[in-house]
Structures are given as C-alpha cells and as structure tokens.
PDB file of N, CA and C in Angstrom:
ATOM      1  N   MET A   1      89.616  90.704 101.403  1.00  0.00           N
ATOM      2  CA  MET A   1      88.309  91.193 101.819  1.00  0.00           C
ATOM      3  C   MET A   1      88.431  90.876 103.238  1.00  0.00           C
ATOM      4  N   ILE A   2      88.159  92.285 103.568  1.00  0.00           N
ATOM      5  CA  ILE A   2      87.645  92.386 105.174  1.00  0.00           C
ATOM      6  C   ILE A   2      85.789  92.267 105.549  1.00  0.00           C
ATOM      7  N   THR A   3      85.791  91.097 106.190  1.00  0.00           N
ATOM      8  CA  THR A   3      84.354  90.855 106.659  1.00  0.00           C
ATOM      9  C   THR A   3      84.286  90.574 108.082  1.00  0.00           C
ATOM     10  N   SER A   4      84.248  91.491 108.775  1.00  0.00           N
ATOM     11  CA  SER A   4      84.101  91.397 110.378  1.00  0.00           C
ATOM     12  C   SER A   4      83.355  92.374 110.944  1.00  0.00           C
ATOM     13  N   GLN A   5      82.318  91.834 111.593  1.00  0.00           N
ATOM     14  CA  GLN A   5      81.506  92.660 112.707  1.00  0.00           C
ATOM     15  C   GLN A   5      82.072  93.363 113.493  1.00  0.00           C
ATOM     16  N   ASP A   6      83.609  93.290 113.718  1.00  0.00           N
ATOM     17  CA  ASP A   6      84.178  93.985 114.818  1.00  0.00           C
ATOM     18  C   ASP A   6      84.693  95.353 114.199  1.00  0.00           C
ATOM     19  N   VAL A   7      84.481  95.863 112.854  1.00  0.00           N
ATOM     20  CA  VAL A   7      85.123  96.849 112.334  1.00  0.00           C
ATOM     21  C   VAL A   7      84.266  98.084 112.840  1.00  0.00           C
ATOM     22  N   VAL A   8      84.755  99.216 113.500  1.00  0.00           N
ATOM     23  CA  VAL A   8      83.852 100.158 113.829  1.00  0.00           C
ATOM     24  C   VAL A   8      84.172 101.630 112.876  1.00  0.00           C
ATOM     25  N   GLN A   9      85.358 101.728 112.265  1.00  0.00           N
ATOM     26  CA  GLN A   9      85.175 102.871 111.465  1.00  0.00           C
ATOM     27  C   GLN A   9      86.275 102.258 110.023  1.00  0.00           C
ATOM     28  N   VAL A  10      85.812 102.850 109.038  1.00  0.00           N
ATOM     29  CA  VAL A  10      87.129 103.020 107.998  1.00  0.00           C
ATOM     30  C   VAL A  10      87.207 104.288 107.188  1.00  0.00           C
ATOM     31  N   ASN A  11      88.617 104.831 107.333  1.00  0.00           N
ATOM     32  CA  ASN A  11      88.716 106.104 106.840  1.00  0.00           C
ATOM     33  C   ASN A  11      89.484 105.888 105.366  1.00  0.00           C
ATOM     34  N   LEU A  12      88.956 106.665 104.627  1.00  0.00           N
ATOM     35  CA  LEU A  12      89.274 106.638 103.230  1.00  0.00           C
ATOM     36  C   LEU A  12      89.894 108.044 102.478  1.00  0.00           C
ATOM     37  N   PRO A  13      90.392 107.667 101.337  1.00  0.00           N
ATOM     38  CA  PRO A  13      91.170 108.942 100.901  1.00  0.00           C
ATOM     39  C   PRO A  13      90.326 109.491  99.876  1.00  0.00           C
ATOM     40  N   ALA A  14      89.247 110.066 100.133  1.00  0.00           N
ATOM     41  CA  ALA A  14      88.350 110.544  99.220  1.00  0.00           C
ATOM     42  C   ALA A  14      88.884 111.377  98.144  1.00  0.00           C
ATOM     43  N   GLU A  15      88.298 111.857  96.973  1.00  0.00           N
ATOM     44  CA  GLU A  15      88.834 113.177  96.369  1.00  0.00           C
ATOM     45  C   GLU A  15      88.295 114.320  96.803  1.00  0.00           C
ATOM     46  N   SER A  16      87.265 114.338  97.557  1.00  0.00           N
ATOM     47  CA  SER A  16      86.582 115.509  98.200  1.00  0.00           C
ATOM     48  C   SER A  16      86.998 115.687  99.611  1.00  0.00           C
ATOM     49  N   GLY A  17      88.278 115.035 100.208  1.00  0.00           N
ATOM     50  CA  GLY A  17      88.675 115.249 101.311  1.00  0.00           C
ATOM     51  C   GLY A  17      88.624 113.522 102.439  1.00  0.00           C
ATOM     52  N   GLU A  18      89.533 113.629 103.026  1.00  0.00           N
ATOM     53  CA  GLU A  18      89.648 112.266 103.793  1.00  0.00           C
ATOM     54  C   GLU A  18      88.559 112.074 104.416  1.00  0.00           C
ATOM     55  N   MET A  19      87.724 111.096 104.421  1.00  0.00           N
ATOM     56  CA  MET A  19      86.180 110.527 104.914  1.00  0.00           C
ATOM     57  C   MET A  19      86.457 109.520 105.966  1.00  0.00           C
ATOM     58  N   GLY A  20      85.575 109.321 106.811  1.00  0.00           N
ATOM     59  CA  GLY A  20      85.601 108.637 107.901  1.00  0.00           C
ATOM     60  C   GLY A  20      83.943 108.032 107.633  1.00  0.00           C
ATOM     61  N   VAL A  21      83.889 106.311 107.613  1.00  0.00           N
ATOM     62  CA  VAL A  21      82.928 105.963 107.781  1.00  0.00           C
ATOM     63  C   VAL A  21      82.528 104.972 108.603  1.00  0.00           C
ATOM     64  N   LEU A  22      81.328 105.299 109.514  1.00  0.00           N
ATOM     65  CA  LEU A  22      81.294 104.626 110.161  1.00  0.00           C
ATOM     66  C   LEU A  22      79.486 103.524 110.219  1.00  0.00           C
ATOM     67  N   ALA A  23      79.274 102.772 111.021  1.00  0.00           N
ATOM     68  CA  ALA A  23      78.072 101.971 110.830  1.00  0.00           C
ATOM     69  C   ALA A  23      76.811 103.067 110.597  1.00  0.00           C
ATOM     70  N   ASN A  24      75.893 102.843 109.914  1.00  0.00           N
ATOM     71  CA  ASN A  24      74.583 103.751 109.411  1.00  0.00           C
ATOM     72  C   ASN A  24      74.988 104.815 108.936  1.00  0.00           C
ATOM     73  N   HIS A  25      76.242 105.093 108.212  1.00  0.00           N
ATOM     74  CA  HIS A  25      76.647 106.194 107.313  1.00  0.00           C
ATOM     75  C   HIS A  25      75.503 106.372 106.190  1.00  0.00           C
ATOM     76  N   VAL A  26      75.383 107.424 105.794  1.00  0.00           N
ATOM     77  CA  VAL A  26      74.335 107.861 104.937  1.00  0.00           C
ATOM     78  C   VAL A  26      75.058 106.907 103.508  1.00  0.00           C
ATOM     79  N   PRO A  27      74.133 106.733 102.575  1.00  0.00           N
ATOM     80  CA  PRO A  27      74.512 105.963 101.365  1.00  0.00           C
ATOM     81  C   PRO A  27      75.301 107.300 100.540  1.00  0.00           C
ATOM     82  N   THR A  28      76.355 106.260  99.995  1.00  0.00           N
ATOM     83  CA  THR A  28      77.204 107.507  99.163  1.00  0.00           C
ATOM     84  C   THR A  28      78.172 106.635  98.404  1.00  0.00           C
ATOM     85  N   ILE A  29      78.338 107.544  97.282  1.00  0.00           N
ATOM     86  CA  ILE A  29      79.332 106.882  96.431  1.00  0.00           C
ATOM     87  C   ILE A  29      80.761 108.165  96.261  1.00  0.00           C
ATOM     88  N   GLU A  30      81.874 107.552  96.448  1.00  0.00           N
ATOM     89  CA  GLU A  30      82.806 108.566  96.411  1.00  0.00           C
ATOM     90  C   GLU A  30      83.991 107.772  95.573  1.00  0.00           C
ATOM     91  N   GLN A  31      84.525 108.507  94.848  1.00  0.00           N
ATOM     92  CA  GLN A  31      85.984 108.389  94.059  1.00  0.00           C
ATOM     93  C   GLN A  31      87.154 108.677  95.327  1.00  0.00           C
ATOM     94  N   LEU A  32      87.953 107.565  95.094  1.00  0.00           N
ATOM     95  CA  LEU A  32      88.980 107.501  95.928  1.00  0.00           C
ATOM     96  C   LEU A  32      90.271 108.026  95.033  1.00  0.00           C
ATOM     97  N   LYS A  33      91.023 108.664  95.722  1.00  0.00           N
ATOM     98  CA  LYS A  33      92.563 109.043  95.264  1.00  0.00           C
ATOM     99  C   LYS A  33      93.523 107.913  95.960  1.00  0.00           C
ATOM    100  N   PRO A  34      94.783 107.893  95.293  1.00  0.00           N
ATOM    101  CA  PRO A  34      95.892 107.175  95.798  1.00  0.00           C
ATOM    102  C   PRO A  34      96.050 107.569  97.062  1.00  0.00           C
ATOM    103  N   GLY A  35      95.977 106.495  97.889  1.00  0.00           N
ATOM    104  CA  GLY A  35      96.437 106.892  99.449  1.00  0.00           C
ATOM    105  C   GLY A  35      96.129 105.779 100.262  1.00  0.00           C
ATOM    106  N   LEU A  36      96.045 105.840 101.663  1.00  0.00           N
ATOM    107  CA  LEU A  36      95.875 104.965 102.171  1.00  0.00           C
ATOM    108  C   LEU A  36      94.469 104.852 102.749  1.00  0.00           C
ATOM    109  N   VAL A  37      93.696 103.353 102.844  1.00  0.00           N
ATOM    110  CA  VAL A  37      92.647 102.960 103.755  1.00  0.00           C
ATOM    111  C   VAL A  37      92.847 102.553 105.026  1.00  0.00           C
ATOM    112  N   GLU A  38      92.231 102.920 106.063  1.00  0.00           N
ATOM    113  CA  GLU A  38      92.678 102.582 107.337  1.00  0.00           C
ATOM    114  C   GLU A  38      91.405 101.784 107.952  1.00  0.00           C
ATOM    115  N   VAL A  39      91.026 100.431 108.428  1.00  0.00           N
ATOM    116  CA  VAL A  39      90.144  99.935 108.845  1.00  0.00           C
ATOM    117  C   VAL A  39      90.460  99.648 110.244  1.00  0.00           C
ATOM    118  N   VAL A  40      89.332 100.582 111.243  1.00  0.00           N
ATOM    119  CA  VAL A  40      89.890 100.499 112.736  1.00  0.00           C
ATOM    120  C   VAL A  40      88.562  99.405 113.303  1.00  0.00           C
ATOM    121  N   GLU A  41      89.296  98.373 114.108  1.00  0.00           N
ATOM    122  CA  GLU A  41      88.467  97.399 114.637  1.00  0.00           C
ATOM    123  C   GLU A  41      88.113  97.975 116.229  1.00  0.00           C
ATOM    124  N   GLU A  42      87.021  97.118 116.490  1.00  0.00           N
ATOM    125  CA  GLU A  42      86.314  97.484 117.939  1.00  0.00           C
ATOM    126  C   GLU A  42      87.696  97.442 118.826  1.00  0.00           C
ATOM    127  N   ASN A  43      88.547  96.278 118.786  1.00  0.00           N
ATOM    128  CA  ASN A  43      89.591  96.503 119.921  1.00  0.00           C
ATOM    129  C   ASN A  43      90.735  97.393 119.972  1.00  0.00           C
ATOM    130  N   GLY A  44      90.508  98.271 118.913  1.00  0.00           N
ATOM    131  CA  GLY A  44      91.503  99.574 118.691  1.00  0.00           C
ATOM    132  C   GLY A  44      92.532  99.365 117.844  1.00  0.00           C
ATOM    133  N   SER A  45      92.471  98.075 117.412  1.00  0.00           N
ATOM    134  CA  SER A  45      93.804  98.009 116.437  1.00  0.00           C
ATOM    135  C   SER A  45      93.134  98.417 115.173  1.00  0.00           C
ATOM    136  N   SER A  46      94.050  98.536 114.040  1.00  0.00           N
ATOM    137  CA  SER A  46      93.819  98.922 112.848  1.00  0.00           C
ATOM    138  C   SER A  46      94.836  98.310 111.811  1.00  0.00           C
ATOM    139  N   LYS A  47      94.076  98.221 110.554  1.00  0.00           N
ATOM    140  CA  LYS A  47      94.871  97.431 109.313  1.00  0.00           C
ATOM    141  C   LYS A  47      94.781  98.700 108.172  1.00  0.00           C
ATOM    142  N   GLN A  48      96.238  98.798 107.753  1.00  0.00           N
ATOM    143  CA  GLN A  48      95.865  99.944 106.706  1.00  0.00           C
ATOM    144  C   GLN A  48      96.475  99.276 105.473  1.00  0.00           C
ATOM    145  N   PHE A  49      95.777 100.003 104.071  1.00  0.00           N
ATOM    146  CA  PHE A  49      96.182  99.097 102.995  1.00  0.00           C
ATOM    147  C   PHE A  49      96.181 100.588 102.060  1.00  0.00           C
ATOM    148  N   PHE A  50      97.401 100.282 101.283  1.00  0.00           N
ATOM    149  CA  PHE A  50      97.641 101.598 100.287  1.00  0.00           C
ATOM    150  C   PHE A  50      96.586 101.349  98.605  1.00  0.00           C
ATOM    151  N   LEU A  51      96.002 102.202  98.272  1.00  0.00           N
ATOM    152  CA  LEU A  51      95.107 101.889  97.262  1.00  0.00           C
ATOM    153  C   LEU A  51      95.539 103.190  96.265  1.00  0.00           C
ATOM    154  N   SER A  52      95.458 102.350  94.899  1.00  0.00           N
ATOM    155  CA  SER A  52      95.638 103.439  93.687  1.00  0.00           C
ATOM    156  C   SER A  52      94.853 104.451  93.477  1.00  0.00           C
ATOM    157  N   GLY A  53      93.932 104.383  93.997  1.00  0.00           N
ATOM    158  CA  GLY A  53      92.665 105.050  93.817  1.00  0.00           C
ATOM    159  C   GLY A  53      91.239 103.978  93.434  1.00  0.00           C
ATOM    160  N   GLY A  54      90.183 104.468  92.926  1.00  0.00           N
ATOM    161  CA  GLY A  54      89.221 103.716  92.660  1.00  0.00           C
ATOM    162  C   GLY A  54      87.824 104.291  93.215  1.00  0.00           C
ATOM    163  N   PHE A  55      86.766 103.622  93.936  1.00  0.00           N
ATOM    164  CA  PHE A  55      85.668 104.174  94.170  1.00  0.00           C
ATOM    165  C   PHE A  55      85.322 103.447  95.582  1.00  0.00           C
ATOM    166  N   ALA A  56      84.345 103.749  96.332  1.00  0.00           N
ATOM    167  CA  ALA A  56      83.752 103.363  97.682  1.00  0.00           C
ATOM    168  C   ALA A  56      82.409 103.388  97.429  1.00  0.00           C
ATOM    169  N   THR A  57      81.651 102.597  98.174  1.00  0.00           N
ATOM    170  CA  THR A  57      80.356 102.541  97.858  1.00  0.00           C
ATOM    171  C   THR A  57      79.664 102.253  99.205  1.00  0.00           C
ATOM    172  N   VAL A  58      79.176 103.177  99.832  1.00  0.00           N
ATOM    173  CA  VAL A  58      78.263 102.914 101.230  1.00  0.00           C
ATOM    174  C   VAL A  58      76.837 102.367 100.761  1.00  0.00           C
ATOM    175  N   GLN A  59      76.554 101.512 101.365  1.00  0.00           N
ATOM    176  CA  GLN A  59      75.026 100.884 101.315  1.00  0.00           C
ATOM    177  C   GLN A  59      74.266 101.443 102.541  1.00  0.00           C
ATOM    178  N   PRO A  60      72.983 101.265 102.286  1.00  0.00           N
ATOM    179  CA  PRO A  60      72.085 101.489 103.198  1.00  0.00           C
ATOM    180  C   PRO A  60      72.310 100.464 104.629  1.00  0.00           C
ATOM    181  N   ASN A  61      72.530  99.148 104.461  1.00  0.00           N
ATOM    182  CA  ASN A  61      72.608  98.360 105.766  1.00  0.00           C
ATOM    183  C   ASN A  61      74.188  98.292 106.259  1.00  0.00           C
ATOM    184  N   SER A  62      74.551  99.698 105.949  1.00  0.00           N
ATOM    185  CA  SER A  62      75.959  99.577 106.563  1.00  0.00           C
ATOM    186  C   SER A  62      77.121  98.829 106.096  1.00  0.00           C
ATOM    187  N   VAL A  63      77.168  98.339 104.677  1.00  0.00           N
ATOM    188  CA  VAL A  63      78.117  97.623 103.917  1.00  0.00           C
ATOM    189  C   VAL A  63      78.916  98.764 103.091  1.00  0.00           C
ATOM    190  N   LEU A  64      80.204  98.642 103.545  1.00  0.00           N
ATOM    191  CA  LEU A  64      81.117  99.489 102.651  1.00  0.00           C
ATOM    192  C   LEU A  64      81.467  98.344 101.562  1.00  0.00           C
ATOM    193  N   SER A  65      81.972  98.886 100.273  1.00  0.00           N
ATOM    194  CA  SER A  65      82.566  98.061  99.131  1.00  0.00           C
ATOM    195  C   SER A  65      83.502  98.678  98.729  1.00  0.00           C
ATOM    196  N   ILE A  66      84.647  98.356  98.444  1.00  0.00           N
ATOM    197  CA  ILE A  66      85.922  99.670  97.852  1.00  0.00           C
ATOM    198  C   ILE A  66      86.327  98.539  96.493  1.00  0.00           C
ATOM    199  N   ASN A  67      86.272  99.376  95.440  1.00  0.00           N
ATOM    200  CA  ASN A  67      86.614  98.824  93.955  1.00  0.00           C
ATOM    201  C   ASN A  67      87.939  99.494  93.866  1.00  0.00           C
ATOM    202  N   ALA A  68      89.127  98.586  93.668  1.00  0.00           N
ATOM    203  CA  ALA A  68      90.118  99.619  93.316  1.00  0.00           C
ATOM    204  C   ALA A  68      91.048  98.325  92.320  1.00  0.00           C
ATOM    205  N   VAL A  69      91.693  99.296  91.456  1.00  0.00           N
ATOM    206  CA  VAL A  69      92.581  98.378  90.332  1.00  0.00           C
ATOM    207  C   VAL A  69      94.137  97.813  91.230  1.00  0.00           C
ATOM    208  N   GLU A  70      94.475  98.541  91.895  1.00  0.00           N
ATOM    209  CA  GLU A  70      95.341  97.767  92.669  1.00  0.00           C
ATOM    210  C   GLU A  70      95.237  98.047  94.491  1.00  0.00           C
ATOM    211  N   GLY A  71      95.302  97.252  95.271  1.00  0.00           N
ATOM    212  CA  GLY A  71      95.477  97.566  96.383  1.00  0.00           C
ATOM    213  C   GLY A  71      96.387  96.390  97.450  1.00  0.00           C
ATOM    214  N   TYR A  72      97.200  96.987  98.297  1.00  0.00           N
ATOM    215  CA  TYR A  72      98.127  96.333  98.942  1.00  0.00           C
ATOM    216  C   TYR A  72      98.146  96.450 100.565  1.00  0.00           C
ATOM    217  N   PRO A  73      98.178  95.484 101.018  1.00  0.00           N
ATOM    218  CA  PRO A  73      98.354  95.794 102.865  1.00  0.00           C
ATOM    219  C   PRO A  73      99.713  96.484 102.654  1.00  0.00           C
ATOM    220  N   LEU A  74      99.786  97.493 103.574  1.00  0.00           N
ATOM    221  CA  LEU A  74     100.676  98.537 104.142  1.00  0.00           C
ATOM    222  C   LEU A  74     101.913  97.450 104.349  1.00  0.00           C
ATOM    223  N   GLU A  75     101.776  96.788 105.276  1.00  0.00           N
ATOM    224  CA  GLU A  75     103.202  95.745 105.536  1.00  0.00           C
ATOM    225  C   GLU A  75     103.817  95.249 104.350  1.00  0.00           C
ATOM    226  N   ASP A  76     103.460  95.440 103.297  1.00  0.00           N
ATOM    227  CA  ASP A  76     103.964  94.606 101.908  1.00  0.00           C
ATOM    228  C   ASP A  76     105.157  95.722 101.527  1.00  0.00           C
ATOM    229  N   PHE A  77     104.999  96.918 102.224  1.00  0.00           N
ATOM    230  CA  PHE A  77     106.075  98.110 101.763  1.00  0.00           C
ATOM    231  C   PHE A  77     107.199  98.048 102.238  1.00  0.00           C
ATOM    232  N   SER A  78     108.294  98.329 101.873  1.00  0.00           N
ATOM    233  CA  SER A  78     109.548  98.416 102.652  1.00  0.00           C
ATOM    234  C   SER A  78     110.273  99.411 101.887  1.00  0.00           C
ATOM    235  N   ALA A  79     110.961 100.183 102.604  1.00  0.00           N
ATOM    236  CA  ALA A  79     112.233 101.355 102.120  1.00  0.00           C
ATOM    237  C   ALA A  79     112.975 101.084 101.019  1.00  0.00           C
ATOM    238  N   GLU A  80     113.660  99.672 101.427  1.00  0.00           N
ATOM    239  CA  GLU A  80     114.256  98.898 100.783  1.00  0.00           C
ATOM    240  C   GLU A  80     114.149  98.304  99.317  1.00  0.00           C
ATOM    241  N   ALA A  81     112.616  97.924  99.489  1.00  0.00           N
ATOM    242  CA  ALA A  81     112.088  97.210  98.039  1.00  0.00           C
ATOM    243  C   ALA A  81     111.796  98.599  96.937  1.00  0.00           C
ATOM    244  N   VAL A  82     111.500  99.677  97.974  1.00  0.00           N
ATOM    245  CA  VAL A  82     111.000 100.684  96.831  1.00  0.00           C
ATOM    246  C   VAL A  82     112.381 101.376  96.258  1.00  0.00           C
ATOM    247  N   ARG A  83     113.575 101.066  97.136  1.00  0.00           N
ATOM    248  CA  ARG A  83     114.717 101.769  96.538  1.00  0.00           C
ATOM    249  C   ARG A  83     115.443 100.831  95.438  1.00  0.00           C
ATOM    250  N   SER A  84     115.096  99.682  95.626  1.00  0.00           N
ATOM    251  CA  SER A  84     115.570  98.652  94.610  1.00  0.00           C
ATOM    252  C   SER A  84     114.526  98.861  93.554  1.00  0.00           C
ATOM    253  N   LEU A  85     113.206  98.900  93.389  1.00  0.00           N
ATOM    254  CA  LEU A  85     112.647  99.089  92.374  1.00  0.00           C
ATOM    255  C   LEU A  85     113.074 100.468  91.227  1.00  0.00           C
ATOM    256  N   ILE A  86     113.290 101.617  92.285  1.00  0.00           N
ATOM    257  CA  ILE A  86     113.797 102.425  91.474  1.00  0.00           C
ATOM    258  C   ILE A  86     114.850 102.591  90.867  1.00  0.00           C
ATOM    259  N   ALA A  87     115.805 101.812  91.407  1.00  0.00           N
ATOM    260  CA  ALA A  87     117.397 101.604  90.779  1.00  0.00           C
ATOM    261  C   ALA A  87     117.029 100.801  89.413  1.00  0.00           C
ATOM    262  N   GLU A  88     116.060  99.800  89.485  1.00  0.00           N
ATOM    263  CA  GLU A  88     116.091  99.131  88.306  1.00  0.00           C
ATOM    264  C   GLU A  88     115.222  99.831  87.401  1.00  0.00           C
ATOM    265  N   ALA A  89     114.451 100.733  87.524  1.00  0.00           N
ATOM    266  CA  ALA A  89     113.803 101.881  86.683  1.00  0.00           C
ATOM    267  C   ALA A  89     114.844 102.608  86.017  1.00  0.00           C
ATOM    268  N   GLN A  90     115.512 102.753  86.779  1.00  0.00           N
ATOM    269  CA  GLN A  90     116.385 103.974  86.320  1.00  0.00           C
ATOM    270  C   GLN A  90     117.389 103.323  85.507  1.00  0.00           C
ATOM    271  N   LYS A  91     118.178 101.919  85.675  1.00  0.00           N
ATOM    272  CA  LYS A  91     118.564 101.215  84.724  1.00  0.00           C
ATOM    273  C   LYS A  91     118.220 101.149  83.309  1.00  0.00           C
ATOM    274  N   VAL A  92     116.845 100.740  83.479  1.00  0.00           N
ATOM    275  CA  VAL A  92     116.050 100.403  82.261  1.00  0.00           C
ATOM    276  C   VAL A  92     115.847 102.332  81.426  1.00  0.00           C
ATOM    277  N   ALA A  93     115.417 102.873  82.099  1.00  0.00           N
ATOM    278  CA  ALA A  93     115.746 104.137  81.553  1.00  0.00           C
ATOM    279  C   ALA A  93     117.003 104.935  81.002  1.00  0.00           C
ATOM    280  N   ASN A  94     117.749 104.191  81.515  1.00  0.00           N
ATOM    281  CA  ASN A  94     119.008 104.911  80.847  1.00  0.00           C
ATOM    282  C   ASN A  94     119.363 103.935  79.665  1.00  0.00           C
ATOM    283  N   GLY A  95     119.077 103.057  79.576  1.00  0.00           N
ATOM    284  CA  GLY A  95     119.277 102.033  78.604  1.00  0.00           C
ATOM    285  C   GLY A  95     120.205 100.580  78.587  1.00  0.00           C
ATOM    286  N   SER A  96     120.430 100.454  80.042  1.00  0.00           N
ATOM    287  CA  SER A  96     121.469  99.218  80.719  1.00  0.00           C
ATOM    288  C   SER A  96     120.711  98.375  81.362  1.00  0.00           C
ATOM    289  N   GLY A  97     119.189  98.294  81.169  1.00  0.00           N
ATOM    290  CA  GLY A  97     118.649  97.425  81.778  1.00  0.00           C
ATOM    291  C   GLY A  97     118.469  95.851  80.592  1.00  0.00           C
ATOM    292  N   SER A  98     117.821  95.007  80.942  1.00  0.00           N
ATOM    293  CA  SER A  98     118.128  93.967  80.162  1.00  0.00           C
ATOM    294  C   SER A  98     116.993  94.057  79.078  1.00  0.00           C
ATOM    295  N   GLU A  99     117.350  93.548  77.841  1.00  0.00           N
ATOM    296  CA  GLU A  99     116.908  93.654  76.676  1.00  0.00           C
ATOM    297  C   GLU A  99     115.266  93.502  76.529  1.00  0.00           C
ATOM    298  N   GLN A 100     114.855  92.446  77.497  1.00  0.00           N
ATOM    299  CA  GLN A 100     113.458  92.379  77.472  1.00  0.00           C
ATOM    300  C   GLN A 100     112.794  93.756  78.217  1.00  0.00           C
ATOM    301  N   ASP A 101     113.352  94.074  79.362  1.00  0.00           N
ATOM    302  CA  ASP A 101     113.059  95.395  80.103  1.00  0.00           C
ATOM    303  C   ASP A 101     112.572  96.453  79.104  1.00  0.00           C
ATOM    304  N   ILE A 102     114.008  96.751  78.401  1.00  0.00           N
ATOM    305  CA  ILE A 102     113.986  97.985  77.390  1.00  0.00           C
ATOM    306  C   ILE A 102     113.169  97.952  76.024  1.00  0.00           C
ATOM    307  N   ALA A 103     112.936  96.526  76.067  1.00  0.00           N
ATOM    308  CA  ALA A 103     111.768  96.494  74.924  1.00  0.00           C
ATOM    309  C   ALA A 103     110.647  97.059  75.123  1.00  0.00           C
ATOM    310  N   GLU A 104     110.194  96.396  76.614  1.00  0.00           N
ATOM    311  CA  GLU A 104     108.884  96.712  77.091  1.00  0.00           C
ATOM    312  C   GLU A 104     108.501  98.158  77.588  1.00  0.00           C
ATOM    313  N   LEU A 105     109.856  98.807  77.843  1.00  0.00           N
ATOM    314  CA  LEU A 105     109.691 100.264  77.993  1.00  0.00           C
ATOM    315  C   LEU A 105     109.416 101.043  76.650  1.00  0.00           C
ATOM    316  N   ARG A 106     110.054 100.323  75.246  1.00  0.00           N
ATOM    317  CA  ARG A 106     109.717 101.015  73.932  1.00  0.00           C
ATOM    318  C   ARG A 106     108.537 100.687  73.665  1.00  0.00           C
ATOM    319  N   SER A 107     107.506  99.959  74.072  1.00  0.00           N
ATOM    320  CA  SER A 107     106.416  99.479  73.409  1.00  0.00           C
ATOM    321  C   SER A 107     105.323 100.306  74.078  1.00  0.00           C
ATOM    322  N   ASN A 108     105.384 100.930  75.425  1.00  0.00           N
ATOM    323  CA  ASN A 108     104.609 101.978  76.029  1.00  0.00           C
ATOM    324  C   ASN A 108     104.785 103.050  75.592  1.00  0.00           C
TER     325      ASN A 108
END
C-alpha cells in the first residue's frame, strides 16, 4: 500500500484507455485491464506495479483505491525468471514435469 502525500499522479491501465489521476480528480470507478500502474512522486521519481486487472475507485477527497487479485512491483520481474517459468510450464505440458505438477495440470 502506498500512502504518501508526495504522490502527484497515478497512471492506470483502464479498460476505457490509459488514465492519469491527479489530486481532486472527479470521483469515478474504473475497471482495470492487465498492465502497469505508475505512481509518480513530487520529486519526479516513480514506482511501477504490474496488475492482473481489477478496479480503481477515485473518491472525492483525492483518495485512490485499487483492488486487484494480483499486483507486483515491476522490479520483481526479470527476463530470466520469466524464461525459467515458461520452460517449466512447457515441461509439465509435455508430460515430463514432476508427478505433482502433472496431477495439478490435469485437475484444472
């Protein structure tokens, strides 16, 4: 959770299009598509998070709430980690993963 008086803008991947939220934004509820949320701070730095989707609610008192099933700081992602997970998923899909992984795949 980010609770900072120094946040000047939050950029959201809304279903209706990319959306920037500033202080005193009109109250709204937006459905979010999978993508990046960027939190821009007064000092010019920003933090980025990947969300799998969800909803954003802008309240009259300049409070933005984001509800999502999954959200991760962007720095948690690396190309090597993604390649490793894809390789593991391909092994399971081809039937050469662990017995537990194959059983989990069949139960879905």
